[in-house]
């Protein structure tokens, strides 16, 4: 989805290396894209899916082993 009415933002903790994702909020969904490829693919999460994704991040579910 490349909608010019979306406001994309990235975490204030993003470093200068550019290894970031950006999110935009749309009605009933949250969109996620690679900040280095603004015209690339976009993941779309519904509110339940987004809540589960954030919970997984906070619990370390997606951490790489040994990090």
N, C-alpha and C. Protein backbone atom coordinates (compact mmCIF):
# COMPACT_ATOMS: atom_id res chain seq x y z
N UNK A 1 0.85 -1.18 0.00
CA UNK A 1 0.00 0.00 0.00
C UNK A 1 0.89 1.24 0.00
N UNK A 2 0.81 2.01 -1.03
CA UNK A 2 1.57 3.26 -1.12
C UNK A 2 0.57 4.40 -1.14
N UNK A 3 0.15 4.81 0.01
CA UNK A 3 -0.86 5.84 0.16
C UNK A 3 -0.17 7.11 0.67
N UNK A 4 -0.27 8.18 -0.09
CA UNK A 4 0.41 9.41 0.30
C UNK A 4 -0.24 10.08 1.50
N UNK A 5 -1.40 9.62 1.92
CA UNK A 5 -2.04 10.21 3.10
C UNK A 5 -1.56 9.57 4.40
N UNK A 6 -0.78 8.51 4.31
CA UNK A 6 -0.26 7.86 5.52
C UNK A 6 0.91 8.65 6.08
N UNK A 7 1.02 8.66 7.39
CA UNK A 7 2.16 9.28 8.06
C UNK A 7 3.02 8.16 8.61
N UNK A 8 4.19 7.98 8.02
CA UNK A 8 5.11 6.93 8.44
C UNK A 8 6.04 7.48 9.52
N UNK A 9 6.33 6.63 10.52
CA UNK A 9 7.27 7.04 11.58
C UNK A 9 8.11 5.85 11.98
N UNK A 10 9.30 6.15 12.50
CA UNK A 10 10.14 5.08 13.03
C UNK A 10 10.51 5.40 14.46
N UNK A 11 10.99 4.40 15.14
CA UNK A 11 11.29 4.52 16.55
C UNK A 11 12.33 5.62 16.80
N UNK A 12 12.17 6.30 17.91
CA UNK A 12 13.16 7.29 18.32
C UNK A 12 14.48 6.61 18.70
N UNK A 13 14.44 5.30 18.87
CA UNK A 13 15.65 4.54 19.21
C UNK A 13 16.39 4.04 17.98
N UNK A 14 15.91 4.39 16.81
CA UNK A 14 16.57 3.97 15.58
C UNK A 14 17.95 4.59 15.50
N UNK A 15 18.90 3.79 15.10
CA UNK A 15 20.26 4.28 14.98
C UNK A 15 20.54 4.84 13.59
N UNK A 16 21.71 5.38 13.41
CA UNK A 16 22.11 5.98 12.14
C UNK A 16 22.38 4.94 11.06
N UNK A 17 22.53 3.67 11.43
CA UNK A 17 22.87 2.62 10.45
C UNK A 17 21.72 2.33 9.49
N UNK A 18 20.51 2.73 9.83
CA UNK A 18 19.39 2.55 8.92
C UNK A 18 18.71 1.20 8.97
N UNK A 19 18.99 0.41 9.99
CA UNK A 19 18.35 -0.90 10.15
C UNK A 19 17.04 -0.73 10.89
N UNK A 20 16.07 -0.14 10.23
CA UNK A 20 14.84 0.24 10.91
C UNK A 20 13.60 -0.18 10.13
N UNK A 21 12.53 -0.22 10.83
CA UNK A 21 11.22 -0.34 10.19
C UNK A 21 10.43 0.90 10.54
N UNK A 22 9.46 1.22 9.71
CA UNK A 22 8.58 2.34 9.95
C UNK A 22 7.17 1.79 10.05
N UNK A 23 6.33 2.49 10.81
CA UNK A 23 4.93 2.09 10.89
C UNK A 23 4.04 3.27 10.51
N UNK A 24 2.87 2.95 10.04
CA UNK A 24 1.83 3.94 9.78
C UNK A 24 0.52 3.34 10.28
N UNK A 25 -0.29 4.17 10.88
CA UNK A 25 -1.59 3.71 11.37
C UNK A 25 -2.66 4.09 10.37
N UNK A 26 -3.49 3.13 10.03
CA UNK A 26 -4.62 3.32 9.14
C UNK A 26 -5.87 2.83 9.87
N UNK A 27 -7.04 3.17 9.37
CA UNK A 27 -8.25 2.66 10.04
C UNK A 27 -8.21 1.13 10.16
N UNK A 28 -8.30 0.64 11.37
CA UNK A 28 -8.37 -0.80 11.68
C UNK A 28 -7.12 -1.59 11.32
N UNK A 29 -5.98 -0.91 11.07
CA UNK A 29 -4.76 -1.66 10.79
C UNK A 29 -3.52 -0.83 11.08
N UNK A 30 -2.40 -1.53 11.19
CA UNK A 30 -1.09 -0.91 11.33
C UNK A 30 -0.24 -1.46 10.20
N UNK A 31 0.45 -0.59 9.49
CA UNK A 31 1.27 -0.96 8.35
C UNK A 31 2.73 -0.86 8.75
N UNK A 32 3.56 -1.78 8.25
CA UNK A 32 4.98 -1.82 8.58
C UNK A 32 5.78 -1.97 7.30
N UNK A 33 6.85 -1.19 7.17
CA UNK A 33 7.73 -1.29 5.99
C UNK A 33 9.17 -1.09 6.41
N UNK A 34 10.08 -1.48 5.54
CA UNK A 34 11.52 -1.27 5.72
C UNK A 34 11.82 0.20 5.43
N UNK A 35 12.47 0.88 6.35
CA UNK A 35 12.72 2.31 6.17
C UNK A 35 13.67 2.59 5.00
N UNK A 36 14.49 1.62 4.62
CA UNK A 36 15.41 1.80 3.51
C UNK A 36 14.74 1.58 2.15
N UNK A 37 13.54 1.03 2.14
CA UNK A 37 12.84 0.71 0.89
C UNK A 37 11.39 1.18 0.99
N UNK A 38 11.20 2.49 0.93
CA UNK A 38 9.89 3.08 1.14
C UNK A 38 8.87 2.66 0.07
N UNK A 39 9.33 2.21 -1.07
CA UNK A 39 8.40 1.77 -2.11
C UNK A 39 8.26 0.25 -2.16
N UNK A 40 8.90 -0.42 -1.22
CA UNK A 40 8.87 -1.88 -1.18
C UNK A 40 7.63 -2.43 -0.53
N UNK A 41 7.64 -3.71 -0.21
CA UNK A 41 6.47 -4.37 0.38
C UNK A 41 6.10 -3.80 1.74
N UNK A 42 4.83 -3.91 2.05
CA UNK A 42 4.28 -3.42 3.31
C UNK A 42 3.52 -4.56 3.98
N UNK A 43 3.81 -4.80 5.25
CA UNK A 43 3.04 -5.76 6.05
C UNK A 43 1.85 -5.04 6.67
N UNK A 44 0.72 -5.70 6.69
CA UNK A 44 -0.48 -5.12 7.29
C UNK A 44 -0.95 -5.98 8.44
N UNK A 45 -1.10 -5.38 9.60
CA UNK A 45 -1.57 -6.07 10.79
C UNK A 45 -2.93 -5.51 11.20
N UNK A 46 -3.87 -6.37 11.51
CA UNK A 46 -5.11 -5.93 12.17
C UNK A 46 -4.78 -5.62 13.62
N UNK A 47 -5.72 -5.08 14.36
CA UNK A 47 -5.43 -4.67 15.74
C UNK A 47 -5.03 -5.85 16.63
N UNK A 48 -5.68 -6.99 16.47
CA UNK A 48 -5.33 -8.16 17.28
C UNK A 48 -3.95 -8.69 16.90
N UNK A 49 -3.67 -8.76 15.61
CA UNK A 49 -2.37 -9.23 15.15
C UNK A 49 -1.25 -8.31 15.60
N UNK A 50 -1.49 -6.99 15.54
CA UNK A 50 -0.48 -6.01 15.97
C UNK A 50 -0.20 -6.16 17.46
N UNK A 51 -1.24 -6.31 18.27
CA UNK A 51 -1.07 -6.48 19.71
C UNK A 51 -0.25 -7.74 20.00
N UNK A 52 -0.52 -8.82 19.27
CA UNK A 52 0.24 -10.05 19.45
C UNK A 52 1.69 -9.89 19.02
N UNK A 53 1.92 -9.18 17.94
CA UNK A 53 3.28 -8.93 17.45
C UNK A 53 4.08 -8.12 18.48
N UNK A 54 3.50 -7.06 18.99
CA UNK A 54 4.18 -6.24 20.00
C UNK A 54 4.43 -7.04 21.27
N UNK A 55 3.47 -7.86 21.69
CA UNK A 55 3.67 -8.71 22.87
C UNK A 55 4.83 -9.67 22.64
N UNK A 56 4.93 -10.22 21.43
CA UNK A 56 6.03 -11.12 21.10
C UNK A 56 7.38 -10.42 21.14
N UNK A 57 7.43 -9.20 20.65
CA UNK A 57 8.68 -8.42 20.70
C UNK A 57 9.08 -8.19 22.15
N UNK A 58 8.13 -7.75 22.95
CA UNK A 58 8.43 -7.44 24.36
C UNK A 58 8.86 -8.66 25.15
N UNK A 59 8.33 -9.84 24.79
CA UNK A 59 8.69 -11.05 25.52
C UNK A 59 9.96 -11.70 25.01
N UNK A 60 10.54 -11.18 23.91
CA UNK A 60 11.75 -11.75 23.36
C UNK A 60 11.53 -12.89 22.40
N UNK A 61 10.28 -13.11 22.01
CA UNK A 61 9.94 -14.22 21.13
C UNK A 61 10.72 -14.21 19.83
N UNK A 62 11.07 -13.04 19.33
CA UNK A 62 11.72 -12.94 18.03
C UNK A 62 13.21 -12.68 18.13
N UNK A 63 13.76 -12.68 19.34
CA UNK A 63 15.20 -12.46 19.52
C UNK A 63 15.99 -13.59 18.87
N UNK A 64 17.13 -13.22 18.32
CA UNK A 64 18.00 -14.25 17.77
C UNK A 64 18.72 -14.94 18.93
N UNK A 65 18.93 -16.25 18.81
CA UNK A 65 19.61 -16.98 19.89
C UNK A 65 20.99 -16.38 20.16
N UNK A 66 21.34 -16.28 21.42
CA UNK A 66 22.66 -15.80 21.82
C UNK A 66 22.80 -14.30 21.79
N UNK A 67 21.73 -13.56 21.63
CA UNK A 67 21.85 -12.10 21.57
C UNK A 67 21.35 -11.49 22.83
